[in-house]
Amino acid sequence: MISYCTNVHPAEDLPGILAQLDAYAVPVRERLGAGRLGVGLWLAAPVARGLAEDRTARARLRTELDARGLAVYTLNAFPYGGFHADVVKHAVYRPTWTEAARTSYTLDCVTVLTDLLADDAEYGSISTLPLAWREPWSVEDDRRAAAALRQVTDALRPTPVRLAIEPEPGCVLDTVADAARWLPRYADLDLVGLCLDTCHLAVSFADPGHTLSGLDAAGIRVMKVQASAALHVDAPREQEARSALAAFDEPRYLHQVRELAAGGEVLAVDDLPEAEAGLPGDGPWRVHFHLPLHAQPPRPLRATTDVLTTVLAGLTGDPHVEVETYTWSVLPGEPDLIEGIAAELRWAEENLSREGIAS
């Protein structure tokens, strides 16, 4: 089943989460005419802790979800909290995998998902950050992160839940290729795999086919796909392109930018405001800004939904698919969130079913 990620909603306590599901998820399900709707839950750390400590509360939440026709196959445990603060930027990468709080949060999510998991799920997936932002990071940090990962892996063994590391530009595991080198050294690949975010993949200018071949060669399973699209601009020097990009330069989230140079080198800056001074603009740019799957941005910009469909056409196995457009609140204009989420899920069902992904 295709899910939509609830990190688009700002609630960080259980009553607020249920209220937002009533305000958005249930109307989306009804608008789609669906008996059930997949939701990829985001639970801020205090909520996850409270649920993990209270089996009765988990049972009540499962009952509440069932009553609303909502099914859970996956959790997004990348943001720890504060994901809708006025400024998020680098704070989304804290705590890192070197910090005990990250381990505790992930363990709580394992406990919660085990009890919330839909009855027809073959497994549950939890997506998590790619260790940390790239600086500072040391050999000792690598060792500590690996030890934390082993602790979480031990907790996964008796459960149907699997962990999915999500590479992101600018992080320690910046690309899928970085993850394919790191994970076989430190992870039990039966229990830990990849969350393949197709916006992040597009931003890196990686070839989707080569990416999937590399994962197969490394024995790494894609546990989860975050169905997402990045901004692409072919001629970033042109004034029309700069003007169009300016509408997406907002202060809450980090919008990493990559430029594909003529020789194939990928040039990088860490945020959109740095791009004009930090990149030459001779080659195309891609910007980490999750775009609605069903809509194209204004020309001369476009969305990289072709990367998403190429990835899903080439995948083996049956990964969870989660539509993760968390940027609705910072998109230009004032989009209707219910209609927007419903339209994305319609697009996903129509387009991804052609690639053999069950809806």
Protein backbone atom coordinates (compact mmCIF):
# COMPACT_ATOMS: atom_id res chain seq x y z
CA MET A 1 0.00 0.00 0.00
CA ILE A 2 1.17 3.53 -0.80
CA SER A 3 1.23 5.78 2.27
CA TYR A 4 1.56 9.49 2.80
CA CYS A 5 3.94 10.76 5.45
CA THR A 6 2.35 12.65 8.32
CA ASN A 7 5.46 14.77 8.95
CA VAL A 8 3.58 17.31 6.83
CA HIS A 9 1.48 17.94 9.96
CA PRO A 10 2.98 19.89 12.89
CA ALA A 11 1.36 18.15 15.89
CA GLU A 12 3.83 16.74 18.43
CA ASP A 13 1.47 15.28 21.04
CA LEU A 14 -0.96 12.40 20.73
CA PRO A 15 -4.22 14.39 20.93
CA GLY A 16 -2.87 16.77 18.29
CA ILE A 17 -1.82 13.91 16.03
CA LEU A 18 -5.29 12.36 16.20
CA ALA A 19 -6.89 15.76 15.56
CA GLN A 20 -4.73 16.27 12.47
CA LEU A 21 -5.53 12.79 11.20
CA ASP A 22 -9.22 13.69 11.57
CA ALA A 23 -8.68 17.04 9.85
CA TYR A 24 -6.62 15.72 6.93
CA ALA A 25 -6.04 11.95 6.64
CA VAL A 26 -9.69 10.93 6.98
CA PRO A 27 -10.93 13.54 4.45
CA VAL A 28 -8.15 12.47 2.06
CA ARG A 29 -9.23 8.84 2.37
CA GLU A 30 -12.83 9.82 1.76
CA ARG A 31 -11.93 12.01 -1.21
CA LEU A 32 -10.07 9.08 -2.74
CA GLY A 33 -13.02 6.76 -2.12
CA ALA A 34 -10.70 4.34 -0.33
CA GLY A 35 -11.67 1.92 2.40
CA ARG A 36 -8.18 2.23 3.90
CA LEU A 37 -5.43 4.80 3.60
CA GLY A 38 -1.79 4.17 4.36
CA VAL A 39 -0.19 6.70 6.68
CA GLY A 40 3.54 6.84 7.33
CA LEU A 41 3.41 8.16 10.86
CA TRP A 42 5.84 10.70 12.21
CA LEU A 43 5.89 10.62 16.01
CA ALA A 44 8.04 13.22 17.74
CA ALA A 45 10.31 11.74 20.41
CA PRO A 46 8.12 12.50 23.47
CA VAL A 47 5.10 10.85 21.81
CA ALA A 48 7.13 7.80 20.79
CA ARG A 49 8.48 7.51 24.36
CA GLY A 50 5.03 7.75 25.93
CA LEU A 51 3.62 5.10 23.63
CA ALA A 52 6.62 2.80 24.04
CA GLU A 53 6.17 2.90 27.82
CA ASP A 54 2.42 2.22 27.74
CA ARG A 55 1.14 -0.90 25.98
CA THR A 56 -2.46 0.14 26.67
CA ALA A 57 -1.88 3.49 24.95
CA ARG A 58 -0.46 1.68 21.91
CA ALA A 59 -3.54 -0.53 21.78
CA ARG A 60 -5.80 2.52 22.00
CA LEU A 61 -3.92 4.24 19.19
CA ARG A 62 -4.20 1.14 17.02
CA THR A 63 -7.96 1.12 17.68
CA GLU A 64 -8.19 4.81 16.80
CA LEU A 65 -6.33 4.24 13.53
CA ASP A 66 -8.49 1.25 12.60
CA ALA A 67 -11.65 3.24 13.31
CA ARG A 68 -10.49 5.92 10.89
CA GLY A 69 -9.57 3.45 8.14
CA LEU A 70 -5.87 4.25 8.48
CA ALA A 71 -3.16 1.60 8.12
CA VAL A 72 0.46 1.87 9.27
CA TYR A 73 3.32 0.11 7.52
CA THR A 74 6.13 2.56 8.19
CA LEU A 75 7.32 5.26 10.56
CA ASN A 76 9.46 8.26 9.71
CA ALA A 77 11.98 8.56 12.56
CA PHE A 78 14.30 11.04 10.83
CA PRO A 79 13.07 14.24 12.55
CA TYR A 80 13.34 13.94 16.33
CA GLY A 81 11.10 16.92 17.00
CA GLY A 82 10.53 20.56 16.14
CA PHE A 83 10.07 19.77 12.45
CA HIS A 84 7.72 22.72 11.95
CA ALA A 85 9.68 25.29 13.94
CA ASP A 86 10.20 28.66 12.27
CA VAL A 87 13.75 27.58 11.38
CA VAL A 88 14.66 23.89 11.15
CA LYS A 89 17.69 23.76 8.84
CA HIS A 90 20.54 21.70 10.40
CA ALA A 91 18.55 20.96 13.58
CA VAL A 92 16.78 18.12 11.75
CA TYR A 93 20.04 16.13 11.89
CA ARG A 94 20.16 16.17 15.69
CA PRO A 95 20.46 14.06 17.71
CA THR A 96 22.95 12.13 15.61
CA TRP A 97 23.61 8.41 15.65
CA THR A 98 26.47 9.08 18.08
CA GLU A 99 24.01 10.32 20.74
CA ALA A 100 22.06 8.12 23.13
CA ALA A 101 18.88 10.08 22.45
CA ARG A 102 18.86 8.89 18.82
CA THR A 103 19.20 5.26 19.90
CA SER A 104 16.45 5.61 22.50
CA TYR A 105 14.10 7.30 20.06
CA THR A 106 14.64 4.60 17.44
CA LEU A 107 14.12 1.82 19.99
CA ASP A 108 10.87 3.49 21.06
CA CYS A 109 9.75 3.59 17.42
CA VAL A 110 10.50 -0.14 17.07
CA THR A 111 8.25 -0.90 20.04
CA VAL A 112 5.47 1.34 18.76
CA LEU A 113 5.50 0.13 15.16
CA THR A 114 5.49 -3.52 16.23
CA ASP A 115 2.06 -2.96 17.80
CA LEU A 116 0.67 -0.53 15.20
CA LEU A 117 1.68 -2.56 12.15
CA ALA A 118 -1.14 -3.36 9.73
CA ASP A 119 -2.27 -7.00 9.83
CA ASP A 120 -1.40 -7.58 6.17
CA ALA A 121 2.13 -6.14 6.44
CA GLU A 122 5.01 -8.47 5.64
CA TYR A 123 7.28 -6.20 7.66
CA GLY A 124 7.38 -2.68 9.08
CA SER A 125 9.99 -0.08 8.19
CA ILE A 126 11.47 2.82 10.11
CA SER A 127 13.39 5.42 8.14
CA THR A 128 16.18 7.29 9.90
CA LEU A 129 18.85 9.88 9.22
CA PRO A 130 22.16 9.01 7.50
CA LEU A 131 24.17 9.15 10.74
CA ALA A 132 24.61 12.94 10.97
CA TRP A 133 25.41 16.10 9.09
CA ARG A 134 28.85 15.59 7.57
CA GLU A 135 30.75 17.91 9.92
CA PRO A 136 32.05 17.25 12.46
CA TRP A 137 32.52 13.51 11.95
CA SER A 138 35.44 11.34 12.99
CA VAL A 139 36.57 7.73 13.04
CA GLU A 140 35.43 7.61 16.67
CA ASP A 141 32.01 8.91 15.61
CA ASP A 142 31.84 6.09 13.08
CA ARG A 143 32.59 3.57 15.83
CA ARG A 144 29.96 5.02 18.16
CA ALA A 145 27.32 5.10 15.44
CA ALA A 146 28.04 1.48 14.54
CA ALA A 147 27.68 0.45 18.21
CA ALA A 148 24.33 2.26 18.42
CA LEU A 149 23.18 0.58 15.25
CA ARG A 150 24.06 -2.83 16.70
CA GLN A 151 21.97 -2.04 19.78
CA VAL A 152 18.95 -1.19 17.64
CA THR A 153 19.54 -4.25 15.46
CA ASP A 154 19.40 -6.50 18.52
CA ALA A 155 15.98 -5.03 19.30
CA LEU A 156 14.80 -5.65 15.74
CA ARG A 157 15.58 -9.38 15.74
CA PRO A 158 12.40 -10.66 17.47
CA THR A 159 10.15 -8.19 15.61
CA PRO A 160 8.89 -7.77 12.03
CA VAL A 161 10.36 -4.25 11.96
CA ARG A 162 13.33 -3.23 9.81
CA LEU A 163 15.48 -0.09 9.86
CA ALA A 164 15.99 1.96 6.69
CA ILE A 165 18.90 4.42 6.50
CA GLU A 166 18.06 7.45 4.34
CA PRO A 167 21.01 9.05 2.48
CA GLU A 168 20.74 12.82 2.09
CA PRO A 169 22.97 15.42 0.40
CA GLY A 170 25.36 17.04 2.85
CA CYS A 171 25.23 14.24 5.42
CA VAL A 172 27.84 11.65 6.40
CA LEU A 173 26.06 9.23 4.05
CA ASP A 174 25.57 11.87 1.37
CA THR A 175 24.67 9.53 -1.48
CA VAL A 176 23.32 6.03 -1.95
CA ALA A 177 26.84 5.02 -3.00
CA ASP A 178 28.14 6.21 0.39
CA ALA A 179 25.52 4.08 2.14
CA ALA A 180 26.38 1.08 -0.04
CA ARG A 181 29.98 1.33 1.19
CA TRP A 182 29.15 1.95 4.87
CA LEU A 183 26.29 -0.41 5.62
CA PRO A 184 27.97 -3.75 4.71
CA ARG A 185 30.80 -2.87 7.12
CA TYR A 186 28.63 -2.11 10.11
CA ALA A 187 25.06 -3.39 9.66
CA ASP A 188 23.21 -6.71 9.62
CA LEU A 189 21.78 -6.44 6.10
CA ASP A 190 18.93 -8.79 6.94
CA LEU A 191 17.61 -6.21 9.39
CA VAL A 192 18.99 -2.88 8.16
CA GLY A 193 18.52 -1.60 4.64
CA LEU A 194 17.94 1.60 2.74
CA CYS A 195 15.27 4.25 2.57
CA LEU A 196 15.65 5.51 -0.99
CA ASP A 197 14.38 9.09 -1.15
CA THR A 198 14.04 9.87 -4.84
CA CYS A 199 14.31 13.63 -4.29
CA HIS A 200 17.68 13.12 -2.59
CA LEU A 201 18.75 10.70 -5.32
CA ALA A 202 17.82 13.19 -8.02
CA VAL A 203 19.68 16.03 -6.30
CA SER A 204 22.86 13.92 -6.31
CA PHE A 205 22.60 13.48 -10.11
CA ALA A 206 23.16 9.74 -9.59
CA ASP A 207 22.06 7.42 -12.37
CA PRO A 208 19.06 5.46 -11.02
CA GLY A 209 19.94 2.25 -12.84
CA HIS A 210 23.55 2.27 -11.66
CA THR A 211 22.36 3.11 -8.16
CA LEU A 212 20.09 0.08 -7.98
CA SER A 213 22.77 -2.16 -9.48
CA GLY A 214 25.20 -0.99 -6.81
CA LEU A 215 22.75 -1.80 -4.05
CA ASP A 216 22.13 -5.25 -5.48
CA ALA A 217 25.87 -5.87 -5.71
CA ALA A 218 26.32 -4.81 -2.08
CA GLY A 219 23.44 -7.02 -0.92
CA ILE A 220 21.49 -4.03 0.42
CA ARG A 221 17.71 -4.16 0.33
CA VAL A 222 15.57 -1.11 -0.32
CA MET A 223 13.12 -1.35 2.58
CA LYS A 224 11.33 1.88 1.79
CA VAL A 225 11.03 4.39 -1.03
CA GLN A 226 10.15 7.96 -0.20
CA ALA A 227 8.34 9.00 -3.34
CA SER A 228 9.48 12.56 -3.84
CA ALA A 229 10.67 14.98 -6.52
CA ALA A 230 13.31 17.70 -6.54
CA LEU A 231 13.50 21.02 -8.38
CA HIS A 232 15.48 20.93 -11.63
CA VAL A 233 16.60 23.91 -13.71
CA ASP A 234 18.55 23.49 -16.95
CA ALA A 235 19.96 27.01 -17.33
CA PRO A 236 20.37 28.52 -13.86
CA ARG A 237 22.23 31.59 -15.12
CA GLU A 238 19.15 32.89 -16.91
CA GLN A 239 17.22 35.58 -15.10
CA GLU A 240 13.91 33.81 -15.64
CA ALA A 241 15.29 30.76 -13.83
CA ARG A 242 16.70 32.84 -10.96
CA SER A 243 13.37 34.60 -10.52
CA ALA A 244 11.48 31.29 -10.49
CA LEU A 245 13.88 29.79 -7.95
CA ALA A 246 13.53 32.79 -5.67
CA ALA A 247 9.95 31.75 -4.87
CA PHE A 248 11.33 28.55 -3.30
CA ASP A 249 13.97 30.26 -1.16
CA GLU A 250 12.29 29.98 2.23
CA PRO A 251 13.84 30.05 5.73
CA ARG A 252 12.51 26.91 7.44
CA TYR A 253 14.20 23.97 5.73
CA LEU A 254 17.62 23.34 4.25
CA HIS A 255 17.57 23.28 0.43
CA GLN A 256 20.86 21.78 -0.73
CA VAL A 257 21.81 22.58 -4.35
CA ARG A 258 23.94 20.54 -6.73
CA GLU A 259 25.26 21.48 -10.18
CA LEU A 260 26.28 18.95 -12.82
CA ALA A 261 29.50 20.19 -14.42
CA ALA A 262 30.42 19.45 -18.03
CA GLY A 263 32.95 16.81 -17.00
CA GLY A 264 30.45 14.97 -14.81
CA GLU A 265 31.64 16.43 -11.51
CA VAL A 266 28.85 17.38 -9.09
CA LEU A 267 29.39 20.78 -7.47
CA ALA A 268 27.72 21.48 -4.15
CA VAL A 269 26.42 24.18 -1.84
CA ASP A 270 24.47 23.57 1.32
CA ASP A 271 21.48 25.87 0.81
CA LEU A 272 19.67 27.74 -1.94
CA PRO A 273 20.73 31.24 -0.81
CA GLU A 274 24.37 30.18 -1.33
CA ALA A 275 23.88 28.91 -4.87
CA GLU A 276 24.22 32.11 -6.89
CA ALA A 277 27.59 33.00 -5.37
CA GLY A 278 28.79 29.44 -4.76
CA LEU A 279 28.04 27.72 -8.08
CA PRO A 280 29.10 28.78 -11.59
CA GLY A 281 25.70 28.09 -13.15
CA ASP A 282 27.20 26.57 -16.31
CA GLY A 283 25.38 23.27 -15.85
CA PRO A 284 21.94 22.24 -14.59
CA TRP A 285 21.00 22.59 -10.94
CA ARG A 286 18.92 20.37 -8.73
CA VAL A 287 17.51 21.65 -5.46
CA HIS A 288 16.44 19.67 -2.39
CA PHE A 289 12.87 20.92 -2.23
CA HIS A 290 10.21 18.21 -2.11
CA LEU A 291 7.62 19.03 -4.77
CA PRO A 292 4.07 17.66 -5.05
CA LEU A 293 4.19 14.64 -7.34
CA HIS A 294 1.17 15.60 -9.42
CA ALA A 295 2.18 19.17 -10.29
CA GLN A 296 5.03 20.85 -12.13
CA PRO A 297 6.64 24.05 -10.83
CA PRO A 298 6.55 27.16 -13.04
CA ARG A 299 8.78 27.12 -16.10
CA PRO A 300 11.69 27.03 -16.63
CA LEU A 301 11.79 24.82 -13.52
CA ARG A 302 10.63 21.22 -13.58
CA ALA A 303 10.19 18.36 -11.14
CA THR A 304 12.30 15.19 -11.21
CA THR A 305 9.39 12.75 -11.08
CA ASP A 306 11.10 10.83 -13.91
CA VAL A 307 13.75 9.73 -11.39
CA LEU A 308 11.02 8.33 -9.15
CA THR A 309 9.34 6.31 -11.89
CA THR A 310 12.71 5.04 -13.16
CA VAL A 311 13.66 3.85 -9.69
CA LEU A 312 10.40 2.03 -9.12
CA ALA A 313 10.58 0.40 -12.54
CA GLY A 314 14.00 -1.00 -11.69
CA LEU A 315 13.40 -2.12 -8.11
CA THR A 316 13.19 -5.73 -7.09
CA GLY A 317 11.24 -6.78 -4.03
CA ASP A 318 8.24 -4.96 -2.62
CA PRO A 319 9.40 -1.91 -0.66
CA HIS A 320 7.08 0.37 1.23
CA VAL A 321 6.27 3.50 -0.76
CA GLU A 322 5.66 6.70 1.18
CA VAL A 323 4.75 10.00 -0.46
CA GLU A 324 6.82 12.49 1.52
CA THR A 325 6.00 16.05 0.56
CA TYR A 326 6.56 17.76 3.90
CA THR A 327 6.94 21.18 2.26
CA TRP A 328 3.27 22.05 1.68
CA SER A 329 3.41 24.80 4.31
CA VAL A 330 6.33 26.54 2.58
CA LEU A 331 5.29 26.09 -1.07
CA PRO A 332 4.60 29.28 -3.03
CA GLY A 333 0.93 30.20 -2.89
CA GLU A 334 -1.64 28.77 -0.49
CA PRO A 335 -2.32 25.19 -1.60
CA ASP A 336 -5.28 23.21 -0.27
CA LEU A 337 -3.63 20.48 1.81
CA ILE A 338 -6.45 17.92 1.62
CA GLU A 339 -6.82 18.23 -2.12
CA GLY A 340 -3.05 18.37 -2.55
CA ILE A 341 -2.38 15.16 -0.64
CA ALA A 342 -5.28 13.43 -2.39
CA ALA A 343 -3.99 14.55 -5.79
CA GLU A 344 -0.50 13.28 -5.00
CA LEU A 345 -1.85 9.90 -3.94
CA ARG A 346 -4.01 9.69 -7.08
CA TRP A 347 -0.92 10.43 -9.15
CA ALA A 348 1.05 7.81 -7.23
CA GLU A 349 -1.61 5.14 -7.66
CA GLU A 350 -1.99 5.85 -11.37
CA ASN A 351 1.71 6.13 -12.19
CA LEU A 352 3.36 3.77 -9.75
CA SER A 353 0.93 0.92 -10.37
CA ARG A 354 2.32 0.85 -13.91
CA GLU A 355 5.67 0.00 -12.34
CA GLY A 356 4.23 -2.92 -10.41
CA ILE A 357 3.88 -1.13 -7.08
CA ALA A 358 0.70 -2.16 -5.33
CA SER A 359 -1.58 0.64 -4.15
